[in-house]
């Protein structure tokens, strides 16, 4: 599993921490990128350590 970018990893980690602080595991919103609207969804699913990819 390759990281998309360190900045994206940081942003997703911060979003995850904010959601969990509010006891939420799901978020949905709309964003504009490159002149097009996108629906974005984030689902947080706990993963047991033994299921983590070897290259993490």
PDB file of N, CA and C in Angstrom:
ATOM      1  N   UNK A   1       0.851  -1.171   0.000  1.00  0.00           N
ATOM      2  CA  UNK A   1       0.000   0.000   0.000  1.00  0.00           C
ATOM      3  C   UNK A   1       0.896   1.233   0.000  1.00  0.00           C
ATOM      4  N   UNK A   2       0.864   1.950  -1.064  1.00  0.00           N
ATOM      5  CA  UNK A   2       1.697   3.141  -1.176  1.00  0.00           C
ATOM      6  C   UNK A   2       0.917   4.372  -0.739  1.00  0.00           C
ATOM      7  N   UNK A   3       1.617   5.280  -0.118  1.00  0.00           N
ATOM      8  CA  UNK A   3       1.014   6.542   0.289  1.00  0.00           C
ATOM      9  C   UNK A   3       0.841   7.427  -0.935  1.00  0.00           C
ATOM     10  N   UNK A   4      -0.279   8.148  -1.006  1.00  0.00           N
ATOM     11  CA  UNK A   4      -0.485   9.071  -2.123  1.00  0.00           C
ATOM     12  C   UNK A   4       0.446  10.266  -2.014  1.00  0.00           C
ATOM     13  N   UNK A   5       0.547  10.812  -0.834  1.00  0.00           N
ATOM     14  CA  UNK A   5       1.480  11.901  -0.569  1.00  0.00           C
ATOM     15  C   UNK A   5       1.495  12.148   0.939  1.00  0.00           C
ATOM     16  N   UNK A   6       2.616  12.618   1.456  1.00  0.00           N
ATOM     17  CA  UNK A   6       2.667  12.915   2.896  1.00  0.00           C
ATOM     18  C   UNK A   6       1.627  13.960   3.315  1.00  0.00           C
ATOM     19  N   UNK A   7       1.401  14.976   2.480  1.00  0.00           N
ATOM     20  CA  UNK A   7       0.412  16.007   2.816  1.00  0.00           C
ATOM     21  C   UNK A   7      -0.985  15.427   2.912  1.00  0.00           C
ATOM     22  N   UNK A   8      -1.322  14.525   2.000  1.00  0.00           N
ATOM     23  CA  UNK A   8      -2.645  13.902   2.028  1.00  0.00           C
ATOM     24  C   UNK A   8      -2.794  13.004   3.254  1.00  0.00           C
ATOM     25  N   UNK A   9      -1.739  12.264   3.577  1.00  0.00           N
ATOM     26  CA  UNK A   9      -1.763  11.427   4.784  1.00  0.00           C
ATOM     27  C   UNK A   9      -2.022  12.275   6.030  1.00  0.00           C
ATOM     28  N   UNK A  10      -1.355  13.416   6.123  1.00  0.00           N
ATOM     29  CA  UNK A  10      -1.535  14.314   7.276  1.00  0.00           C
ATOM     30  C   UNK A  10      -2.951  14.847   7.322  1.00  0.00           C
ATOM     31  N   UNK A  11      -3.478  15.292   6.170  1.00  0.00           N
ATOM     32  CA  UNK A  11      -4.835  15.843   6.121  1.00  0.00           C
ATOM     33  C   UNK A  11      -5.872  14.792   6.516  1.00  0.00           C
ATOM     34  N   UNK A  12      -5.714  13.569   6.023  1.00  0.00           N
ATOM     35  CA  UNK A  12      -6.666  12.505   6.374  1.00  0.00           C
ATOM     36  C   UNK A  12      -6.559  12.110   7.840  1.00  0.00           C
ATOM     37  N   UNK A  13      -5.349  12.113   8.370  1.00  0.00           N
ATOM     38  CA  UNK A  13      -5.168  11.820   9.792  1.00  0.00           C
ATOM     39  C   UNK A  13      -5.842  12.883  10.646  1.00  0.00           C
ATOM     40  N   UNK A  14      -5.680  14.149  10.276  1.00  0.00           N
ATOM     41  CA  UNK A  14      -6.319  15.232  11.034  1.00  0.00           C
ATOM     42  C   UNK A  14      -7.837  15.138  10.947  1.00  0.00           C
ATOM     43  N   UNK A  15      -8.371  14.840   9.760  1.00  0.00           N
ATOM     44  CA  UNK A  15      -9.818  14.679   9.610  1.00  0.00           C
ATOM     45  C   UNK A  15     -10.316  13.511  10.449  1.00  0.00           C
ATOM     46  N   UNK A  16      -9.587  12.410  10.433  1.00  0.00           N
ATOM     47  CA  UNK A  16      -9.953  11.236  11.230  1.00  0.00           C
ATOM     48  C   UNK A  16     -10.003  11.580  12.713  1.00  0.00           C
ATOM     49  N   UNK A  17      -8.982  12.277  13.201  1.00  0.00           N
ATOM     50  CA  UNK A  17      -8.951  12.662  14.615  1.00  0.00           C
ATOM     51  C   UNK A  17     -10.136  13.555  14.975  1.00  0.00           C
ATOM     52  N   UNK A  18     -10.471  14.486  14.093  1.00  0.00           N
ATOM     53  CA  UNK A  18     -11.625  15.372  14.362  1.00  0.00           C
ATOM     54  C   UNK A  18     -12.933  14.595  14.412  1.00  0.00           C
ATOM     55  N   UNK A  19     -13.108  13.678  13.466  1.00  0.00           N
ATOM     56  CA  UNK A  19     -14.337  12.882  13.465  1.00  0.00           C
ATOM     57  C   UNK A  19     -14.441  12.024  14.715  1.00  0.00           C
ATOM     58  N   UNK A  20     -13.353  11.352  15.067  1.00  0.00           N
ATOM     59  CA  UNK A  20     -13.394  10.485  16.239  1.00  0.00           C
ATOM     60  C   UNK A  20     -13.586  11.270  17.528  1.00  0.00           C
ATOM     61  N   UNK A  21     -13.067  12.493  17.580  1.00  0.00           N
ATOM     62  CA  UNK A  21     -13.277  13.355  18.747  1.00  0.00           C
ATOM     63  C   UNK A  21     -14.769  13.638  18.935  1.00  0.00           C
ATOM     64  N   UNK A  22     -15.500  13.659  17.817  1.00  0.00           N
ATOM     65  CA  UNK A  22     -16.950  13.904  17.864  1.00  0.00           C
ATOM     66  C   UNK A  22     -17.744  12.594  17.812  1.00  0.00           C
ATOM     67  N   UNK A  23     -17.069  11.474  18.066  1.00  0.00           N
ATOM     68  CA  UNK A  23     -17.696  10.149  18.041  1.00  0.00           C
ATOM     69  C   UNK A  23     -18.387   9.856  16.709  1.00  0.00           C
ATOM     70  N   UNK A  24     -17.787  10.304  15.619  1.00  0.00           N
ATOM     71  CA  UNK A  24     -18.321  10.044  14.279  1.00  0.00           C
ATOM     72  C   UNK A  24     -17.353   9.141  13.525  1.00  0.00           C
ATOM     73  N   UNK A  25     -17.912   8.265  12.697  1.00  0.00           N
ATOM     74  CA  UNK A  25     -17.078   7.407  11.857  1.00  0.00           C
ATOM     75  C   UNK A  25     -17.449   7.549  10.383  1.00  0.00           C
ATOM     76  N   UNK A  26     -18.253   8.556  10.048  1.00  0.00           N
ATOM     77  CA  UNK A  26     -18.683   8.766   8.659  1.00  0.00           C
ATOM     78  C   UNK A  26     -18.837  10.256   8.402  1.00  0.00           C
ATOM     79  N   UNK A  27     -18.408  10.683   7.224  1.00  0.00           N
ATOM     80  CA  UNK A  27     -18.610  12.074   6.812  1.00  0.00           C
ATOM     81  C   UNK A  27     -18.900  12.089   5.313  1.00  0.00           C
ATOM     82  N   UNK A  28     -19.776  12.984   4.908  1.00  0.00           N
ATOM     83  CA  UNK A  28     -20.108  13.165   3.496  1.00  0.00           C
ATOM     84  C   UNK A  28     -20.230  14.655   3.225  1.00  0.00           C
ATOM     85  N   UNK A  29     -19.658  15.086   2.120  1.00  0.00           N
ATOM     86  CA  UNK A  29     -19.767  16.489   1.745  1.00  0.00           C
ATOM     87  C   UNK A  29     -19.525  16.617   0.244  1.00  0.00           C
ATOM     88  N   UNK A  30     -19.654  17.820  -0.270  1.00  0.00           N
ATOM     89  CA  UNK A  30     -19.387  18.101  -1.683  1.00  0.00           C
ATOM     90  C   UNK A  30     -18.233  19.070  -1.771  1.00  0.00           C
ATOM     91  N   UNK A  31     -17.358  18.823  -2.740  1.00  0.00           N
ATOM     92  CA  UNK A  31     -16.197  19.687  -2.933  1.00  0.00           C
ATOM     93  C   UNK A  31     -16.080  20.039  -4.411  1.00  0.00           C
ATOM     94  N   UNK A  32     -15.447  21.187  -4.666  1.00  0.00           N
ATOM     95  CA  UNK A  32     -15.186  21.606  -6.035  1.00  0.00           C
ATOM     96  C   UNK A  32     -13.700  21.413  -6.300  1.00  0.00           C
ATOM     97  N   UNK A  33     -13.380  20.728  -7.392  1.00  0.00           N
ATOM     98  CA  UNK A  33     -11.986  20.538  -7.785  1.00  0.00           C
ATOM     99  C   UNK A  33     -11.897  20.526  -9.312  1.00  0.00           C
ATOM    100  N   UNK A  34     -10.985  21.317  -9.831  1.00  0.00           N
ATOM    101  CA  UNK A  34     -10.769  21.397 -11.281  1.00  0.00           C
ATOM    102  C   UNK A  34     -12.065  21.688 -12.028  1.00  0.00           C
ATOM    103  N   UNK A  35     -12.893  22.561 -11.456  1.00  0.00           N
ATOM    104  CA  UNK A  35     -14.116  22.995 -12.117  1.00  0.00           C
ATOM    105  C   UNK A  35     -15.265  22.008 -12.073  1.00  0.00           C
ATOM    106  N   UNK A  36     -15.162  20.963 -11.270  1.00  0.00           N
ATOM    107  CA  UNK A  36     -16.230  19.971 -11.190  1.00  0.00           C
ATOM    108  C   UNK A  36     -16.562  19.700  -9.727  1.00  0.00           C
ATOM    109  N   UNK A  37     -17.860  19.462  -9.464  1.00  0.00           N
ATOM    110  CA  UNK A  37     -18.284  19.086  -8.119  1.00  0.00           C
ATOM    111  C   UNK A  37     -18.136  17.584  -7.924  1.00  0.00           C
ATOM    112  N   UNK A  38     -17.690  17.226  -6.734  1.00  0.00           N
ATOM    113  CA  UNK A  38     -17.541  15.818  -6.361  1.00  0.00           C
ATOM    114  C   UNK A  38     -18.197  15.605  -5.006  1.00  0.00           C
ATOM    115  N   UNK A  39     -18.871  14.478  -4.870  1.00  0.00           N
ATOM    116  CA  UNK A  39     -19.345  14.070  -3.546  1.00  0.00           C
ATOM    117  C   UNK A  39     -18.212  13.272  -2.921  1.00  0.00           C
ATOM    118  N   UNK A  40     -17.859  13.601  -1.706  1.00  0.00           N
ATOM    119  CA  UNK A  40     -16.820  12.866  -1.007  1.00  0.00           C
ATOM    120  C   UNK A  40     -17.437  12.163   0.199  1.00  0.00           C
ATOM    121  N   UNK A  41     -16.962  10.968   0.460  1.00  0.00           N
ATOM    122  CA  UNK A  41     -17.407  10.206   1.616  1.00  0.00           C
ATOM    123  C   UNK A  41     -16.188   9.630   2.314  1.00  0.00           C
ATOM    124  N   UNK A  42     -16.246   9.623   3.618  1.00  0.00           N
ATOM    125  CA  UNK A  42     -15.183   9.019   4.413  1.00  0.00           C
ATOM    126  C   UNK A  42     -15.831   8.093   5.428  1.00  0.00           C
ATOM    127  N   UNK A  43     -15.436   6.830   5.392  1.00  0.00           N
ATOM    128  CA  UNK A  43     -15.894   5.832   6.362  1.00  0.00           C
ATOM    129  C   UNK A  43     -14.683   5.403   7.175  1.00  0.00           C
ATOM    130  N   UNK A  44     -14.789   5.459   8.464  1.00  0.00           N
ATOM    131  CA  UNK A  44     -13.710   4.989   9.336  1.00  0.00           C
ATOM    132  C   UNK A  44     -14.079   3.602   9.838  1.00  0.00           C
ATOM    133  N   UNK A  45     -13.231   2.646   9.515  1.00  0.00           N
ATOM    134  CA  UNK A  45     -13.458   1.254   9.909  1.00  0.00           C
ATOM    135  C   UNK A  45     -12.237   0.770  10.673  1.00  0.00           C
ATOM    136  N   UNK A  46     -12.399   0.393  11.940  1.00  0.00           N
ATOM    137  CA  UNK A  46     -11.252  -0.135  12.686  1.00  0.00           C
ATOM    138  C   UNK A  46     -10.662  -1.364  11.987  1.00  0.00           C
ATOM    139  N   UNK A  47      -9.349  -1.469  12.023  1.00  0.00           N
ATOM    140  CA  UNK A  47      -8.648  -2.589  11.395  1.00  0.00           C
ATOM    141  C   UNK A  47      -7.768  -3.253  12.449  1.00  0.00           C
ATOM    142  N   UNK A  48      -7.959  -4.559  12.676  1.00  0.00           N
ATOM    143  CA  UNK A  48      -7.083  -5.267  13.620  1.00  0.00           C
ATOM    144  C   UNK A  48      -5.641  -5.257  13.087  1.00  0.00           C
ATOM    145  N   UNK A  49      -4.665  -5.183  13.971  1.00  0.00           N
ATOM    146  CA  UNK A  49      -3.255  -5.128  13.540  1.00  0.00           C
ATOM    147  C   UNK A  49      -2.855  -6.256  12.585  1.00  0.00           C
ATOM    148  N   UNK A  50      -3.399  -7.441  12.774  1.00  0.00           N
ATOM    149  CA  UNK A  50      -3.008  -8.567  11.914  1.00  0.00           C
ATOM    150  C   UNK A  50      -3.529  -8.432  10.476  1.00  0.00           C
ATOM    151  N   UNK A  51      -4.450  -7.491  10.230  1.00  0.00           N
ATOM    152  CA  UNK A  51      -4.978  -7.274   8.887  1.00  0.00           C
ATOM    153  C   UNK A  51      -4.284  -6.128   8.151  1.00  0.00           C
ATOM    154  N   UNK A  52      -3.305  -5.482   8.790  1.00  0.00           N
ATOM    155  CA  UNK A  52      -2.598  -4.382   8.149  1.00  0.00           C
ATOM    156  C   UNK A  52      -1.716  -4.898   7.018  1.00  0.00           C
ATOM    157  N   UNK A  53      -1.596  -4.120   5.925  1.00  0.00           N
ATOM    158  CA  UNK A  53      -0.708  -4.544   4.835  1.00  0.00           C
ATOM    159  C   UNK A  53       0.739  -4.603   5.314  1.00  0.00           C
ATOM    160  N   UNK A  54       1.497  -5.516   4.774  1.00  0.00           N
ATOM    161  CA  UNK A  54       2.892  -5.690   5.174  1.00  0.00           C
ATOM    162  C   UNK A  54       3.741  -4.469   4.855  1.00  0.00           C
ATOM    163  N   UNK A  55       3.380  -3.715   3.812  1.00  0.00           N
ATOM    164  CA  UNK A  55       4.191  -2.571   3.414  1.00  0.00           C
ATOM    165  C   UNK A  55       3.754  -1.257   4.055  1.00  0.00           C
ATOM    166  N   UNK A  56       2.949  -1.327   5.089  1.00  0.00           N
ATOM    167  CA  UNK A  56       2.492  -0.109   5.758  1.00  0.00           C
ATOM    168  C   UNK A  56       3.581   0.477   6.607  1.00  0.00           C
TER     169      UNK A  56
END
